[in-house]
Amino acid sequence: MALFLLLVLVAVVLGIIGAAADGLGYLLAIGIVLFLADLAFFTVRLSRRARRRPVR
């Protein structure tokens, strides 16, 4: 969970810098891609954890 939050924070910071600074639009693109990859990683991890629980 800490890794997820750290990657979200990095993606937001890169997005803000990329949007604010002139000529650094690639940082905005990297931030968006990193955020989407982080969400995909989180959903895969969440779905794996849900299957391991035994049925009571």
N, C-alpha and C. Protein backbone atom coordinates (compact mmCIF):
# COMPACT_ATOMS: atom_id res chain seq x y z
N MET A 1 0.81 -1.18 0.00
CA MET A 1 0.00 0.00 0.00
C MET A 1 0.87 1.26 0.00
N ALA A 2 1.98 1.20 0.68
CA ALA A 2 2.88 2.35 0.71
C ALA A 2 3.46 2.62 -0.68
N LEU A 3 3.77 1.56 -1.40
CA LEU A 3 4.29 1.72 -2.76
C LEU A 3 3.25 2.37 -3.66
N PHE A 4 2.00 1.97 -3.52
CA PHE A 4 0.92 2.55 -4.31
C PHE A 4 0.81 4.05 -4.04
N LEU A 5 0.81 4.43 -2.76
CA LEU A 5 0.68 5.84 -2.42
C LEU A 5 1.89 6.65 -2.88
N LEU A 6 3.08 6.07 -2.78
CA LEU A 6 4.28 6.76 -3.24
C LEU A 6 4.23 7.01 -4.74
N LEU A 7 3.81 6.01 -5.50
CA LEU A 7 3.74 6.17 -6.95
C LEU A 7 2.66 7.16 -7.36
N VAL A 8 1.55 7.21 -6.63
CA VAL A 8 0.52 8.20 -6.92
C VAL A 8 1.06 9.60 -6.64
N LEU A 9 1.79 9.76 -5.56
CA LEU A 9 2.38 11.06 -5.23
C LEU A 9 3.38 11.50 -6.30
N VAL A 10 4.22 10.59 -6.75
CA VAL A 10 5.19 10.91 -7.79
C VAL A 10 4.48 11.28 -9.09
N ALA A 11 3.43 10.56 -9.44
CA ALA A 11 2.68 10.86 -10.66
C ALA A 11 2.03 12.23 -10.59
N VAL A 12 1.49 12.59 -9.44
CA VAL A 12 0.86 13.90 -9.28
C VAL A 12 1.90 15.01 -9.38
N VAL A 13 3.05 14.83 -8.74
CA VAL A 13 4.10 15.85 -8.79
C VAL A 13 4.61 16.02 -10.22
N LEU A 14 4.85 14.93 -10.92
CA LEU A 14 5.28 15.03 -12.31
C LEU A 14 4.23 15.71 -13.18
N GLY A 15 2.98 15.39 -12.93
CA GLY A 15 1.90 16.03 -13.69
C GLY A 15 1.83 17.52 -13.44
N ILE A 16 1.99 17.95 -12.20
CA ILE A 16 1.94 19.38 -11.88
C ILE A 16 3.12 20.11 -12.50
N ILE A 17 4.31 19.53 -12.38
CA ILE A 17 5.49 20.16 -12.97
C ILE A 17 5.35 20.22 -14.49
N GLY A 18 4.87 19.15 -15.09
CA GLY A 18 4.71 19.11 -16.54
C GLY A 18 3.68 20.10 -17.05
N ALA A 19 2.64 20.31 -16.27
CA ALA A 19 1.60 21.25 -16.70
C ALA A 19 2.02 22.70 -16.47
N ALA A 20 2.79 22.94 -15.42
CA ALA A 20 3.15 24.31 -15.06
C ALA A 20 4.34 24.84 -15.86
N ALA A 21 5.32 24.00 -16.10
CA ALA A 21 6.55 24.45 -16.76
C ALA A 21 6.37 24.43 -18.27
N ASP A 22 6.86 25.46 -18.91
CA ASP A 22 6.74 25.56 -20.36
C ASP A 22 7.76 24.63 -21.03
N GLY A 23 7.31 23.79 -21.92
CA GLY A 23 8.20 22.90 -22.65
C GLY A 23 8.47 21.58 -21.96
N LEU A 24 7.80 21.32 -20.83
CA LEU A 24 8.00 20.05 -20.13
C LEU A 24 6.73 19.21 -20.15
N GLY A 25 6.07 19.22 -21.28
CA GLY A 25 4.85 18.44 -21.43
C GLY A 25 5.07 16.94 -21.34
N TYR A 26 6.30 16.52 -21.62
CA TYR A 26 6.60 15.08 -21.53
C TYR A 26 6.52 14.62 -20.07
N LEU A 27 6.78 15.50 -19.10
CA LEU A 27 6.63 15.11 -17.70
C LEU A 27 5.16 14.87 -17.37
N LEU A 28 4.28 15.67 -17.96
CA LEU A 28 2.85 15.45 -17.77
C LEU A 28 2.44 14.10 -18.35
N ALA A 29 2.95 13.76 -19.53
CA ALA A 29 2.63 12.46 -20.14
C ALA A 29 3.18 11.32 -19.29
N ILE A 30 4.39 11.46 -18.79
CA ILE A 30 4.97 10.42 -17.93
C ILE A 30 4.16 10.27 -16.65
N GLY A 31 3.72 11.38 -16.08
CA GLY A 31 2.90 11.33 -14.87
C GLY A 31 1.58 10.62 -15.10
N ILE A 32 0.95 10.88 -16.24
CA ILE A 32 -0.32 10.22 -16.56
C ILE A 32 -0.12 8.72 -16.77
N VAL A 33 0.92 8.35 -17.50
CA VAL A 33 1.20 6.94 -17.75
C VAL A 33 1.53 6.22 -16.44
N LEU A 34 2.31 6.87 -15.59
CA LEU A 34 2.66 6.28 -14.30
C LEU A 34 1.43 6.10 -13.43
N PHE A 35 0.53 7.07 -13.45
CA PHE A 35 -0.70 6.97 -12.67
C PHE A 35 -1.58 5.83 -13.17
N LEU A 36 -1.71 5.69 -14.48
CA LEU A 36 -2.53 4.60 -15.03
C LEU A 36 -1.91 3.23 -14.75
N ALA A 37 -0.58 3.14 -14.84
CA ALA A 37 0.09 1.88 -14.52
C ALA A 37 -0.08 1.54 -13.05
N ASP A 38 -0.04 2.54 -12.20
CA ASP A 38 -0.22 2.32 -10.77
C ASP A 38 -1.63 1.84 -10.47
N LEU A 39 -2.63 2.42 -11.11
CA LEU A 39 -4.00 1.95 -10.91
C LEU A 39 -4.18 0.52 -11.40
N ALA A 40 -3.57 0.18 -12.53
CA ALA A 40 -3.66 -1.19 -13.04
C ALA A 40 -2.98 -2.17 -12.07
N PHE A 41 -1.83 -1.80 -11.54
CA PHE A 41 -1.13 -2.63 -10.57
C PHE A 41 -1.98 -2.84 -9.32
N PHE A 42 -2.63 -1.78 -8.86
CA PHE A 42 -3.46 -1.87 -7.66
C PHE A 42 -4.67 -2.77 -7.88
N THR A 43 -5.32 -2.66 -9.04
CA THR A 43 -6.50 -3.49 -9.30
C THR A 43 -6.12 -4.96 -9.45
N VAL A 44 -4.99 -5.24 -10.07
CA VAL A 44 -4.54 -6.63 -10.19
C VAL A 44 -4.22 -7.20 -8.82
N ARG A 45 -3.54 -6.43 -8.00
CA ARG A 45 -3.19 -6.90 -6.66
C ARG A 45 -4.44 -7.10 -5.81
N LEU A 46 -5.41 -6.20 -5.95
CA LEU A 46 -6.65 -6.32 -5.19
C LEU A 46 -7.44 -7.55 -5.63
N SER A 47 -7.46 -7.84 -6.92
CA SER A 47 -8.22 -9.00 -7.41
C SER A 47 -7.55 -10.31 -7.00
N ARG A 48 -6.23 -10.33 -6.94
CA ARG A 48 -5.53 -11.54 -6.48
C ARG A 48 -5.80 -11.81 -5.02
N ARG A 49 -5.83 -10.75 -4.22
CA ARG A 49 -6.06 -10.92 -2.80
C ARG A 49 -7.48 -11.43 -2.52
N ALA A 50 -8.44 -11.02 -3.32
CA ALA A 50 -9.83 -11.43 -3.11
C ALA A 50 -10.01 -12.92 -3.38
N ARG A 51 -9.25 -13.51 -4.27
CA ARG A 51 -9.41 -14.93 -4.59
C ARG A 51 -8.80 -15.85 -3.54
N ARG A 52 -7.86 -15.37 -2.76
CA ARG A 52 -7.17 -16.23 -1.79
C ARG A 52 -7.94 -16.46 -0.52
N ARG A 53 -8.99 -15.74 -0.27
CA ARG A 53 -9.75 -15.90 0.96
C ARG A 53 -10.58 -17.18 0.90
N PRO A 54 -10.50 -17.98 1.95
CA PRO A 54 -11.28 -19.22 1.94
C PRO A 54 -12.78 -18.95 2.15
N VAL A 55 -13.59 -19.79 1.57
CA VAL A 55 -15.04 -19.66 1.70
C VAL A 55 -15.44 -20.27 3.03
N ARG A 56 -16.25 -19.55 3.78
CA ARG A 56 -16.66 -20.03 5.11
C ARG A 56 -18.06 -20.57 5.09
